[in-house]
Amino acid sequence: MRPTMKDVASAAGVALKTVSRVVNGEPGVHPGTAERVREAIERLGYSRNESARVLRRGRTSTVGLVIEDLADPFYSVLGRAVEDVTTAHGCLLLSGSSNEDPVRERELIRTFCARRVDGLIVVPAGEDHSFLRPELDAGTPAVFVDRPPGPGVDVDTVLCDNAGGARLATRHLLAHGHRRIAFLGDRPSIHTAARRLHGYRAALGRLFDERLVSMRAPVPRDVRADLDRMLALDSPPTALFTGNGRITMTALRALEGRRMALVGFDDFELADLLRPGVTVVAQDPTSMGGLAAELLFRRLSGDTGPAEHLRLPVRVIRRGSGELPP
């Protein structure tokens, strides 16, 4: 049997209420008595019944995080930033990966809500979030990060300037003399991929060529096939813009031994150690995750103001690959 508060009170020779005050950090207990209670707790191995505490407070001190893939370096950094803020507020973070599956996303959100999390932070996989309406109406706050929610759901969002970053990358390559610039992006149904395609296309204007665009999941054999097809054109690309970190690394493997200017969206570990170093458009997943979590805790503290829609800036980091001439 697990030791109870009554066992602690008996071992310390104090009243049950005294133990409760010490456990909950309440004032009114003599320091010597409090120390005797803590020694009894340590000796017996007593731990507080959080379930009973939750029932009394009406809060679970937990936050649910639904993310695309916890193994992805970008999302692991974002998730850690959310966890740091959650921990600082004395809460526990529950996380799950949607794997870009809207059904899985919905299941995770419903599971977290069934466990009565205090709030949700979501990197959405789908475009229909009407199923969230009952939870939002019941007072469970949600913040969307990296991508916005679907139509009809107006909640706090934290995004980066995807289209602006793609324009920066493409203009950077144009400034170094390239006119045939290919784009490898993720599936067009993904908000960030679609916005990056939009920025790339806007920067190219009349130079845009549909044959230099591929939008699909970054499967290595497909990336290699797409690059081979583009390089076999009568007027092949001399530069490449990749739409996320996974695609950049897949493209680098496919390009091994071939010389082509490259700018990738998202920085990644060891990008500066390659030769040449990889020029990237860098967003800040730490700031994105931290801001999303702070917005959530503001709502939990009673902020009922209009939903905030934040768009964080990006920057080009020049390392050599994006500065190669045609």
C-alpha atoms as a PDB file:
ATOM      1  CA  MET A   1       0.000   0.000   0.000  1.00  0.00           C
ATOM      2  CA  ARG A   2       1.207   3.490  -0.792  1.00  0.00           C
ATOM      3  CA  PRO A   3       1.739   5.680   2.278  1.00  0.00           C
ATOM      4  CA  THR A   4      -1.035   8.212   2.871  1.00  0.00           C
ATOM      5  CA  MET A   5      -1.151  11.651   4.413  1.00  0.00           C
ATOM      6  CA  LYS A   6      -2.470  10.012   7.581  1.00  0.00           C
ATOM      7  CA  ASP A   7       0.638   7.818   7.721  1.00  0.00           C
ATOM      8  CA  VAL A   8       2.840  10.911   7.427  1.00  0.00           C
ATOM      9  CA  ALA A   9       0.873  12.679  10.166  1.00  0.00           C
ATOM     10  CA  SER A  10       1.247   9.671  12.462  1.00  0.00           C
ATOM     11  CA  ALA A  11       4.988   9.325  11.759  1.00  0.00           C
ATOM     12  CA  ALA A  12       5.613  13.037  12.343  1.00  0.00           C
ATOM     13  CA  GLY A  13       3.304  13.253  15.347  1.00  0.00           C
ATOM     14  CA  VAL A  14       1.245  16.105  13.895  1.00  0.00           C
ATOM     15  CA  ALA A  15      -2.307  16.742  12.738  1.00  0.00           C
ATOM     16  CA  LEU A  16      -3.454  15.790   9.250  1.00  0.00           C
ATOM     17  CA  LYS A  17      -4.085  19.475   8.417  1.00  0.00           C
ATOM     18  CA  THR A  18      -0.461  20.274   9.266  1.00  0.00           C
ATOM     19  CA  VAL A  19       0.764  17.705   6.743  1.00  0.00           C
ATOM     20  CA  SER A  20      -1.632  19.148   4.146  1.00  0.00           C
ATOM     21  CA  ARG A  21      -0.236  22.641   4.685  1.00  0.00           C
ATOM     22  CA  VAL A  22       3.358  21.452   4.308  1.00  0.00           C
ATOM     23  CA  VAL A  23       2.598  19.405   1.191  1.00  0.00           C
ATOM     24  CA  ASN A  24       0.773  22.303  -0.457  1.00  0.00           C
ATOM     25  CA  GLY A  25       3.331  24.939   0.577  1.00  0.00           C
ATOM     26  CA  GLU A  26       0.857  26.860   2.728  1.00  0.00           C
ATOM     27  CA  PRO A  27       1.980  29.192   5.548  1.00  0.00           C
ATOM     28  CA  GLY A  28       1.230  28.807   9.242  1.00  0.00           C
ATOM     29  CA  VAL A  29       3.492  25.859  10.115  1.00  0.00           C
ATOM     30  CA  HIS A  30       6.422  26.245  12.533  1.00  0.00           C
ATOM     31  CA  PRO A  31       9.748  25.636  10.666  1.00  0.00           C
ATOM     32  CA  GLY A  32      10.757  22.844  13.017  1.00  0.00           C
ATOM     33  CA  THR A  33       7.402  21.103  12.592  1.00  0.00           C
ATOM     34  CA  ALA A  34       7.557  21.505   8.800  1.00  0.00           C
ATOM     35  CA  GLU A  35      11.012  19.946   8.766  1.00  0.00           C
ATOM     36  CA  ARG A  36       9.751  16.985  10.823  1.00  0.00           C
ATOM     37  CA  VAL A  37       6.899  16.497   8.320  1.00  0.00           C
ATOM     38  CA  ARG A  38       9.303  16.628   5.352  1.00  0.00           C
ATOM     39  CA  GLU A  39      11.557  14.050   7.005  1.00  0.00           C
ATOM     40  CA  ALA A  40       8.549  11.730   7.493  1.00  0.00           C
ATOM     41  CA  ILE A  41       7.553  12.229   3.838  1.00  0.00           C
ATOM     42  CA  GLU A  42      11.068  11.324   2.718  1.00  0.00           C
ATOM     43  CA  ARG A  43      11.314   8.335   5.036  1.00  0.00           C
ATOM     44  CA  LEU A  44       7.931   6.876   4.012  1.00  0.00           C
ATOM     45  CA  GLY A  45       8.236   7.724   0.333  1.00  0.00           C
ATOM     46  CA  TYR A  46       4.928   9.598   0.332  1.00  0.00           C
ATOM     47  CA  SER A  47       3.773  11.330  -2.879  1.00  0.00           C
ATOM     48  CA  ARG A  48       0.760  13.578  -3.280  1.00  0.00           C
ATOM     49  CA  ASN A  49      -2.368  12.180  -4.948  1.00  0.00           C
ATOM     50  CA  GLU A  50      -2.509  14.434  -7.996  1.00  0.00           C
ATOM     51  CA  SER A  51      -5.832  13.018  -9.190  1.00  0.00           C
ATOM     52  CA  ALA A  52      -7.575  14.102  -6.000  1.00  0.00           C
ATOM     53  CA  ARG A  53      -5.844  17.488  -6.188  1.00  0.00           C
ATOM     54  CA  VAL A  54      -7.066  17.940  -9.762  1.00  0.00           C
ATOM     55  CA  LEU A  55     -10.648  17.222  -8.731  1.00  0.00           C
ATOM     56  CA  ARG A  56     -10.415  19.902  -6.057  1.00  0.00           C
ATOM     57  CA  ARG A  57      -8.793  22.556  -8.246  1.00  0.00           C
ATOM     58  CA  GLY A  58     -10.618  21.872 -11.507  1.00  0.00           C
ATOM     59  CA  ARG A  59      -7.270  22.064 -13.385  1.00  0.00           C
ATOM     60  CA  THR A  60      -4.939  19.248 -14.434  1.00  0.00           C
ATOM     61  CA  SER A  61      -1.753  21.326 -14.842  1.00  0.00           C
ATOM     62  CA  THR A  62      -1.183  19.621 -18.195  1.00  0.00           C
ATOM     63  CA  VAL A  63      -0.862  20.976 -21.741  1.00  0.00           C
ATOM     64  CA  GLY A  64      -1.336  18.940 -24.925  1.00  0.00           C
ATOM     65  CA  LEU A  65       1.059  19.474 -27.848  1.00  0.00           C
ATOM     66  CA  VAL A  66       0.167  18.021 -31.260  1.00  0.00           C
ATOM     67  CA  ILE A  67       3.113  18.240 -33.604  1.00  0.00           C
ATOM     68  CA  GLU A  68       3.898  17.009 -37.119  1.00  0.00           C
ATOM     69  CA  ASP A  69       6.818  14.753 -36.147  1.00  0.00           C
ATOM     70  CA  LEU A  70       8.741  14.873 -32.880  1.00  0.00           C
ATOM     71  CA  ALA A  71      11.730  13.292 -34.668  1.00  0.00           C
ATOM     72  CA  ASP A  72      11.997  16.205 -37.111  1.00  0.00           C
ATOM     73  CA  PRO A  73      14.823  18.519 -35.916  1.00  0.00           C
ATOM     74  CA  PHE A  74      12.727  21.658 -36.503  1.00  0.00           C
ATOM     75  CA  TYR A  75       9.771  20.358 -34.502  1.00  0.00           C
ATOM     76  CA  SER A  76      11.925  18.871 -31.759  1.00  0.00           C
ATOM     77  CA  VAL A  77      13.390  22.348 -31.108  1.00  0.00           C
ATOM     78  CA  LEU A  78       9.918  23.917 -31.214  1.00  0.00           C
ATOM     79  CA  GLY A  79       8.584  21.254 -28.850  1.00  0.00           C
ATOM     80  CA  ARG A  80      11.427  21.778 -26.392  1.00  0.00           C
ATOM     81  CA  ALA A  81      10.675  25.509 -26.294  1.00  0.00           C
ATOM     82  CA  VAL A  82       7.028  24.732 -25.507  1.00  0.00           C
ATOM     83  CA  GLU A  83       8.142  22.311 -22.774  1.00  0.00           C
ATOM     84  CA  ASP A  84      10.470  24.880 -21.177  1.00  0.00           C
ATOM     85  CA  VAL A  85       7.652  27.416 -20.841  1.00  0.00           C
ATOM     86  CA  THR A  86       5.189  24.763 -19.669  1.00  0.00           C
ATOM     87  CA  THR A  87       7.601  23.557 -16.992  1.00  0.00           C
ATOM     88  CA  ALA A  88       8.270  27.122 -15.840  1.00  0.00           C
ATOM     89  CA  HIS A  89       4.522  27.453 -15.215  1.00  0.00           C
ATOM     90  CA  GLY A  90       4.494  24.292 -13.110  1.00  0.00           C
ATOM     91  CA  CYS A  91       2.725  22.170 -15.728  1.00  0.00           C
ATOM     92  CA  LEU A  92       3.365  18.889 -17.528  1.00  0.00           C
ATOM     93  CA  LEU A  93       3.533  18.669 -21.339  1.00  0.00           C
ATOM     94  CA  LEU A  94       1.872  15.768 -23.176  1.00  0.00           C
ATOM     95  CA  SER A  95       3.063  15.420 -26.793  1.00  0.00           C
ATOM     96  CA  GLY A  96       2.096  13.401 -29.837  1.00  0.00           C
ATOM     97  CA  SER A  97       2.983  13.271 -33.564  1.00  0.00           C
ATOM     98  CA  SER A  98       0.259  13.564 -36.204  1.00  0.00           C
ATOM     99  CA  ASN A  99       2.539  12.351 -39.035  1.00  0.00           C
ATOM    100  CA  GLU A 100       0.729  14.807 -41.352  1.00  0.00           C
ATOM    101  CA  ASP A 101      -2.432  12.718 -40.955  1.00  0.00           C
ATOM    102  CA  PRO A 102      -5.592  14.784 -40.221  1.00  0.00           C
ATOM    103  CA  VAL A 103      -7.317  11.736 -38.724  1.00  0.00           C
ATOM    104  CA  ARG A 104      -4.414  11.126 -36.358  1.00  0.00           C
ATOM    105  CA  GLU A 105      -4.380  14.840 -35.475  1.00  0.00           C
ATOM    106  CA  ARG A 106      -8.074  14.724 -34.557  1.00  0.00           C
ATOM    107  CA  GLU A 107      -7.574  11.568 -32.473  1.00  0.00           C
ATOM    108  CA  LEU A 108      -4.693  13.112 -30.539  1.00  0.00           C
ATOM    109  CA  ILE A 109      -6.608  16.309 -29.817  1.00  0.00           C
ATOM    110  CA  ARG A 110      -9.654  14.363 -28.653  1.00  0.00           C
ATOM    111  CA  THR A 111      -7.484  12.114 -26.473  1.00  0.00           C
ATOM    112  CA  PHE A 112      -5.830  15.109 -24.826  1.00  0.00           C
ATOM    113  CA  CYS A 113      -9.194  16.777 -24.275  1.00  0.00           C
ATOM    114  CA  ALA A 114     -10.581  13.558 -22.775  1.00  0.00           C
ATOM    115  CA  ARG A 115      -7.712  13.744 -20.287  1.00  0.00           C
ATOM    116  CA  ARG A 116      -8.834  17.307 -19.505  1.00  0.00           C
ATOM    117  CA  VAL A 117      -5.651  19.117 -20.489  1.00  0.00           C
ATOM    118  CA  ASP A 118      -5.788  22.787 -19.541  1.00  0.00           C
ATOM    119  CA  GLY A 119      -4.907  23.916 -23.065  1.00  0.00           C
ATOM    120  CA  LEU A 120      -3.695  22.822 -26.500  1.00  0.00           C
ATOM    121  CA  ILE A 121      -0.845  23.823 -28.802  1.00  0.00           C
ATOM    122  CA  VAL A 122      -1.309  22.454 -32.302  1.00  0.00           C
ATOM    123  CA  VAL A 123       0.773  22.180 -35.465  1.00  0.00           C
ATOM    124  CA  PRO A 124      -2.167  21.293 -37.710  1.00  0.00           C
ATOM    125  CA  ALA A 125      -2.124  18.529 -40.291  1.00  0.00           C
ATOM    126  CA  GLY A 126      -5.651  19.036 -41.624  1.00  0.00           C
ATOM    127  CA  GLU A 127      -7.717  22.007 -42.763  1.00  0.00           C
ATOM    128  CA  ASP A 128     -10.966  21.259 -40.898  1.00  0.00           C
ATOM    129  CA  HIS A 129     -10.872  22.051 -37.190  1.00  0.00           C
ATOM    130  CA  SER A 130     -14.592  22.444 -36.620  1.00  0.00           C
ATOM    131  CA  PHE A 131     -14.376  19.416 -34.302  1.00  0.00           C
ATOM    132  CA  LEU A 132     -12.504  21.680 -31.862  1.00  0.00           C
ATOM    133  CA  ARG A 133     -15.410  24.101 -31.494  1.00  0.00           C
ATOM    134  CA  PRO A 134     -17.081  22.335 -28.506  1.00  0.00           C
ATOM    135  CA  GLU A 135     -13.788  22.357 -26.571  1.00  0.00           C
ATOM    136  CA  LEU A 136     -13.125  26.009 -27.376  1.00  0.00           C
ATOM    137  CA  ASP A 137     -16.677  26.937 -26.382  1.00  0.00           C
ATOM    138  CA  ALA A 138     -16.196  25.018 -23.130  1.00  0.00           C
ATOM    139  CA  GLY A 139     -13.207  27.216 -22.299  1.00  0.00           C
ATOM    140  CA  THR A 140     -10.226  25.096 -23.365  1.00  0.00           C
ATOM    141  CA  PRO A 141      -7.803  27.533 -25.049  1.00  0.00           C
ATOM    142  CA  ALA A 142      -5.808  26.504 -28.120  1.00  0.00           C
ATOM    143  CA  VAL A 143      -2.876  28.066 -29.928  1.00  0.00           C
ATOM    144  CA  PHE A 144      -1.861  27.066 -33.451  1.00  0.00           C
ATOM    145  CA  VAL A 145       1.803  27.266 -34.405  1.00  0.00           C
ATOM    146  CA  ASP A 146       3.699  27.012 -37.715  1.00  0.00           C
ATOM    147  CA  ARG A 147       0.395  26.716 -39.626  1.00  0.00           C
ATOM    148  CA  PRO A 148      -3.007  28.359 -39.136  1.00  0.00           C
ATOM    149  CA  PRO A 149      -6.224  26.530 -38.258  1.00  0.00           C
ATOM    150  CA  GLY A 150      -8.897  25.831 -40.833  1.00  0.00           C
ATOM    151  CA  PRO A 151     -11.697  28.275 -41.683  1.00  0.00           C
ATOM    152  CA  GLY A 152     -14.119  29.175 -38.915  1.00  0.00           C
ATOM    153  CA  VAL A 153     -11.642  28.707 -36.058  1.00  0.00           C
ATOM    154  CA  ASP A 154     -10.158  32.007 -34.879  1.00  0.00           C
ATOM    155  CA  VAL A 155      -7.542  31.365 -32.196  1.00  0.00           C
ATOM    156  CA  ASP A 156      -4.043  32.640 -31.413  1.00  0.00           C
ATOM    157  CA  THR A 157      -1.530  31.676 -34.097  1.00  0.00           C
ATOM    158  CA  VAL A 158       2.261  31.950 -34.387  1.00  0.00           C
ATOM    159  CA  LEU A 159       3.649  31.613 -37.913  1.00  0.00           C
ATOM    160  CA  CYS A 160       6.821  32.551 -39.741  1.00  0.00           C
ATOM    161  CA  ASP A 161       6.953  34.643 -42.915  1.00  0.00           C
ATOM    162  CA  ASN A 162       6.949  31.686 -45.300  1.00  0.00           C
ATOM    163  CA  ALA A 163       6.242  33.573 -48.516  1.00  0.00           C
ATOM    164  CA  GLY A 164       8.644  36.368 -47.582  1.00  0.00           C
ATOM    165  CA  GLY A 165      11.385  33.867 -46.795  1.00  0.00           C
ATOM    166  CA  ALA A 166      10.921  32.147 -50.165  1.00  0.00           C
ATOM    167  CA  ARG A 167      11.142  35.530 -51.911  1.00  0.00           C
ATOM    168  CA  LEU A 168      14.378  36.263 -50.042  1.00  0.00           C
ATOM    169  CA  ALA A 169      15.883  32.920 -51.078  1.00  0.00           C
ATOM    170  CA  THR A 170      14.892  33.279 -54.727  1.00  0.00           C
ATOM    171  CA  ARG A 171      16.024  36.896 -54.979  1.00  0.00           C
ATOM    172  CA  HIS A 172      19.320  35.905 -53.403  1.00  0.00           C
ATOM    173  CA  LEU A 173      19.922  33.405 -56.202  1.00  0.00           C
ATOM    174  CA  LEU A 174      18.763  35.907 -58.826  1.00  0.00           C
ATOM    175  CA  ALA A 175      21.236  38.451 -57.426  1.00  0.00           C
ATOM    176  CA  HIS A 176      24.042  35.944 -58.014  1.00  0.00           C
ATOM    177  CA  GLY A 177      23.224  35.633 -61.694  1.00  0.00           C
ATOM    178  CA  HIS A 178      20.857  32.664 -61.800  1.00  0.00           C
ATOM    179  CA  ARG A 179      17.815  32.714 -64.060  1.00  0.00           C
ATOM    180  CA  ARG A 180      16.931  29.009 -64.085  1.00  0.00           C
ATOM    181  CA  ILE A 181      16.061  28.303 -60.464  1.00  0.00           C
ATOM    182  CA  ALA A 182      14.348  25.044 -59.524  1.00  0.00           C
ATOM    183  CA  PHE A 183      12.099  24.561 -56.499  1.00  0.00           C
ATOM    184  CA  LEU A 184      11.634  21.320 -54.546  1.00  0.00           C
ATOM    185  CA  GLY A 185       8.772  21.696 -52.066  1.00  0.00           C
ATOM    186  CA  ASP A 186       6.647  19.500 -49.850  1.00  0.00           C
ATOM    187  CA  ARG A 187       3.062  18.548 -50.661  1.00  0.00           C
ATOM    188  CA  PRO A 188       1.026  21.578 -51.837  1.00  0.00           C
ATOM    189  CA  SER A 189      -1.746  20.741 -49.336  1.00  0.00           C
ATOM    190  CA  ILE A 190       0.639  21.791 -46.520  1.00  0.00           C
ATOM    191  CA  HIS A 191       0.213  25.478 -45.704  1.00  0.00           C
ATOM    192  CA  THR A 192       3.924  26.243 -45.327  1.00  0.00           C
ATOM    193  CA  ALA A 193       4.796  24.495 -48.609  1.00  0.00           C
ATOM    194  CA  ALA A 194       2.090  26.371 -50.506  1.00  0.00           C
ATOM    195  CA  ARG A 195       3.192  29.749 -49.101  1.00  0.00           C
ATOM    196  CA  ARG A 196       6.829  29.072 -49.975  1.00  0.00           C
ATOM    197  CA  LEU A 197       5.852  28.164 -53.532  1.00  0.00           C
ATOM    198  CA  HIS A 198       3.904  31.430 -53.710  1.00  0.00           C
ATOM    199  CA  GLY A 199       6.941  33.463 -52.602  1.00  0.00           C
ATOM    200  CA  TYR A 200       9.255  31.661 -55.007  1.00  0.00           C
ATOM    201  CA  ARG A 201       6.885  32.206 -57.926  1.00  0.00           C
ATOM    202  CA  ALA A 202       6.349  35.868 -57.079  1.00  0.00           C
ATOM    203  CA  ALA A 203      10.108  36.528 -56.959  1.00  0.00           C
ATOM    204  CA  LEU A 204      10.702  34.892 -60.355  1.00  0.00           C
ATOM    205  CA  GLY A 205       7.884  36.639 -62.199  1.00  0.00           C
ATOM    206  CA  ARG A 206       8.246  35.993 -65.936  1.00  0.00           C
ATOM    207  CA  LEU A 207      11.178  33.645 -65.290  1.00  0.00           C
ATOM    208  CA  PHE A 208       8.881  31.109 -63.622  1.00  0.00           C
ATOM    209  CA  ASP A 209       8.867  27.725 -65.371  1.00  0.00           C
ATOM    210  CA  GLU A 210       6.452  25.040 -64.192  1.00  0.00           C
ATOM    211  CA  ARG A 211       8.904  22.327 -65.310  1.00  0.00           C
ATOM    212  CA  LEU A 212      11.352  23.451 -62.601  1.00  0.00           C
ATOM    213  CA  VAL A 213       8.878  22.838 -59.761  1.00  0.00           C
ATOM    214  CA  SER A 214       8.242  19.637 -57.807  1.00  0.00           C
ATOM    215  CA  MET A 215       5.805  19.531 -54.886  1.00  0.00           C
ATOM    216  CA  ARG A 216       5.573  16.196 -53.059  1.00  0.00           C
ATOM    217  CA  ALA A 217       6.779  14.347 -49.968  1.00  0.00           C
ATOM    218  CA  PRO A 218      10.590  14.315 -49.678  1.00  0.00           C
ATOM    219  CA  VAL A 219      11.149  10.656 -50.567  1.00  0.00           C
ATOM    220  CA  PRO A 220      14.846  10.311 -51.596  1.00  0.00           C
ATOM    221  CA  ARG A 221      14.231   8.361 -54.806  1.00  0.00           C
ATOM    222  CA  ASP A 222      11.581  10.892 -55.904  1.00  0.00           C
ATOM    223  CA  VAL A 223      13.834  13.873 -55.184  1.00  0.00           C
ATOM    224  CA  ARG A 224      16.637  12.281 -57.188  1.00  0.00           C
ATOM    225  CA  ALA A 225      14.254  11.498 -60.062  1.00  0.00           C
ATOM    226  CA  ASP A 226      12.912  15.061 -60.079  1.00  0.00           C
ATOM    227  CA  LEU A 227      16.419  16.536 -60.147  1.00  0.00           C
ATOM    228  CA  ASP A 228      17.489  14.178 -62.944  1.00  0.00           C
ATOM    229  CA  ARG A 229      14.439  15.194 -64.968  1.00  0.00           C
ATOM    230  CA  MET A 230      15.118  18.910 -64.479  1.00  0.00           C
ATOM    231  CA  LEU A 231      18.827  18.608 -65.271  1.00  0.00           C
ATOM    232  CA  ALA A 232      17.992  16.773 -68.507  1.00  0.00           C
ATOM    233  CA  LEU A 233      16.018  19.774 -69.863  1.00  0.00           C
ATOM    234  CA  ASP A 234      17.395  21.722 -72.820  1.00  0.00           C
ATOM    235  CA  SER A 235      17.799  24.674 -70.438  1.00  0.00           C
ATOM    236  CA  PRO A 236      18.510  23.008 -67.071  1.00  0.00           C
ATOM    237  CA  PRO A 237      18.483  24.820 -63.741  1.00  0.00           C
ATOM    238  CA  THR A 238      21.710  26.280 -62.399  1.00  0.00           C
ATOM    239  CA  ALA A 239      20.323  26.833 -58.894  1.00  0.00           C
ATOM    240  CA  LEU A 240      17.970  25.084 -56.492  1.00  0.00           C
ATOM    241  CA  PHE A 241      15.673  26.335 -53.730  1.00  0.00           C
ATOM    242  CA  THR A 242      14.556  23.605 -51.304  1.00  0.00           C
ATOM    243  CA  GLY A 243      11.392  24.047 -49.274  1.00  0.00           C
ATOM    244  CA  ASN A 244      12.391  22.589 -45.882  1.00  0.00           C
ATOM    245  CA  GLY A 245      15.278  20.999 -44.001  1.00  0.00           C
ATOM    246  CA  ARG A 246      14.422  17.409 -44.883  1.00  0.00           C
ATOM    247  CA  ILE A 247      14.230  18.222 -48.588  1.00  0.00           C
ATOM    248  CA  THR A 248      17.505  20.140 -48.395  1.00  0.00           C
ATOM    249  CA  MET A 249      19.366  17.163 -46.918  1.00  0.00           C
ATOM    250  CA  THR A 250      17.751  14.765 -49.406  1.00  0.00           C
ATOM    251  CA  ALA A 251      18.706  17.063 -52.296  1.00  0.00           C
ATOM    252  CA  LEU A 252      22.293  17.368 -51.068  1.00  0.00           C
ATOM    253  CA  ARG A 253      22.643  13.586 -51.214  1.00  0.00           C
ATOM    254  CA  ALA A 254      21.068  13.494 -54.671  1.00  0.00           C
ATOM    255  CA  LEU A 255      23.420  16.251 -55.882  1.00  0.00           C
ATOM    256  CA  GLU A 256      26.584  14.603 -54.571  1.00  0.00           C
ATOM    257  CA  GLY A 257      29.350  15.262 -57.082  1.00  0.00           C
ATOM    258  CA  ARG A 258      27.306  17.839 -59.024  1.00  0.00           C
ATOM    259  CA  ARG A 259      27.835  21.592 -58.802  1.00  0.00           C
ATOM    260  CA  MET A 260      24.659  23.617 -58.289  1.00  0.00           C
ATOM    261  CA  ALA A 261      23.892  26.714 -56.243  1.00  0.00           C
ATOM    262  CA  LEU A 262      21.473  25.942 -53.426  1.00  0.00           C
ATOM    263  CA  VAL A 263      19.464  27.812 -50.798  1.00  0.00           C
ATOM    264  CA  GLY A 264      17.375  25.817 -48.331  1.00  0.00           C
ATOM    265  CA  PHE A 265      14.442  26.899 -46.177  1.00  0.00           C
ATOM    266  CA  ASP A 266      15.243  26.075 -42.514  1.00  0.00           C
ATOM    267  CA  ASP A 267      18.669  25.867 -40.972  1.00  0.00           C
ATOM    268  CA  PHE A 268      19.957  22.472 -39.886  1.00  0.00           C
ATOM    269  CA  GLU A 269      22.790  21.023 -37.829  1.00  0.00           C
ATOM    270  CA  LEU A 270      26.190  20.832 -39.577  1.00  0.00           C
ATOM    271  CA  ALA A 271      25.020  23.049 -42.471  1.00  0.00           C
ATOM    272  CA  ASP A 272      28.029  25.263 -41.803  1.00  0.00           C
ATOM    273  CA  LEU A 273      30.511  22.349 -41.899  1.00  0.00           C
ATOM    274  CA  LEU A 274      29.735  21.163 -45.433  1.00  0.00           C
ATOM    275  CA  ARG A 275      31.874  22.402 -48.318  1.00  0.00           C
ATOM    276  CA  PRO A 276      30.559  24.762 -49.416  1.00  0.00           C
ATOM    277  CA  GLY A 277      28.446  25.563 -46.389  1.00  0.00           C
ATOM    278  CA  VAL A 278      24.718  25.555 -47.073  1.00  0.00           C
ATOM    279  CA  THR A 279      23.055  28.946 -47.421  1.00  0.00           C
ATOM    280  CA  VAL A 280      19.644  28.892 -45.725  1.00  0.00           C
ATOM    281  CA  VAL A 281      16.594  30.953 -44.912  1.00  0.00           C
ATOM    282  CA  ALA A 282      16.384  30.497 -41.153  1.00  0.00           C
ATOM    283  CA  GLN A 283      13.284  30.745 -39.046  1.00  0.00           C
ATOM    284  CA  ASP A 284      13.354  30.546 -35.250  1.00  0.00           C
ATOM    285  CA  PRO A 285      11.544  27.450 -33.898  1.00  0.00           C
ATOM    286  CA  THR A 286      12.570  28.329 -30.342  1.00  0.00           C
ATOM    287  CA  SER A 287      10.813  31.698 -30.517  1.00  0.00           C
ATOM    288  CA  MET A 288       7.806  30.150 -32.254  1.00  0.00           C
ATOM    289  CA  GLY A 289       7.325  27.479 -29.609  1.00  0.00           C
ATOM    290  CA  GLY A 290       8.031  29.828 -26.713  1.00  0.00           C
ATOM    291  CA  LEU A 291       5.610  32.494 -27.953  1.00  0.00           C
ATOM    292  CA  ALA A 292       2.894  29.918 -28.603  1.00  0.00           C
ATOM    293  CA  ALA A 293       3.226  28.596 -25.044  1.00  0.00           C
ATOM    294  CA  GLU A 294       3.246  32.082 -23.507  1.00  0.00           C
ATOM    295  CA  LEU A 295       0.097  32.980 -25.449  1.00  0.00           C
ATOM    296  CA  LEU A 296      -1.569  29.840 -24.108  1.00  0.00           C
ATOM    297  CA  PHE A 297      -0.706  30.643 -20.500  1.00  0.00           C
ATOM    298  CA  ARG A 298      -1.966  34.188 -20.940  1.00  0.00           C
ATOM    299  CA  ARG A 299      -5.322  32.709 -21.926  1.00  0.00           C
ATOM    300  CA  LEU A 300      -5.185  30.350 -18.953  1.00  0.00           C
ATOM    301  CA  SER A 301      -4.577  33.376 -16.744  1.00  0.00           C
ATOM    302  CA  GLY A 302      -7.817  34.959 -17.911  1.00  0.00           C
ATOM    303  CA  ASP A 303      -6.940  36.977 -21.031  1.00  0.00           C
ATOM    304  CA  THR A 304     -10.110  37.106 -23.147  1.00  0.00           C
ATOM    305  CA  GLY A 305      -8.934  39.603 -25.765  1.00  0.00           C
ATOM    306  CA  PRO A 306      -9.169  39.069 -29.525  1.00  0.00           C
ATOM    307  CA  ALA A 307      -7.092  36.274 -31.053  1.00  0.00           C
ATOM    308  CA  GLU A 308      -3.519  37.288 -31.859  1.00  0.00           C
ATOM    309  CA  HIS A 309      -1.946  36.394 -35.202  1.00  0.00           C
ATOM    310  CA  LEU A 310       1.838  36.684 -35.046  1.00  0.00           C
ATOM    311  CA  ARG A 311       4.153  36.347 -38.047  1.00  0.00           C
ATOM    312  CA  LEU A 312       7.840  36.092 -37.158  1.00  0.00           C
ATOM    313  CA  PRO A 313      10.561  37.303 -39.539  1.00  0.00           C
ATOM    314  CA  VAL A 314      13.162  35.075 -41.193  1.00  0.00           C
ATOM    315  CA  ARG A 315      16.717  35.774 -42.344  1.00  0.00           C
ATOM    316  CA  VAL A 316      19.186  34.567 -44.948  1.00  0.00           C
ATOM    317  CA  ILE A 317      22.389  32.982 -43.607  1.00  0.00           C
ATOM    318  CA  ARG A 318      25.064  33.070 -46.321  1.00  0.00           C
ATOM    319  CA  ARG A 319      27.502  30.163 -46.211  1.00  0.00           C
ATOM    320  CA  GLY A 320      28.632  29.606 -49.778  1.00  0.00           C
ATOM    321  CA  SER A 321      26.211  27.289 -51.571  1.00  0.00           C
ATOM    322  CA  GLY A 322      23.812  30.097 -52.399  1.00  0.00           C
ATOM    323  CA  GLU A 323      26.593  32.339 -53.653  1.00  0.00           C
ATOM    324  CA  LEU A 324      27.913  30.021 -56.388  1.00  0.00           C
ATOM    325  CA  PRO A 325      27.682  31.625 -59.860  1.00  0.00           C
ATOM    326  CA  PRO A 326      25.826  29.933 -62.782  1.00  0.00           C
END
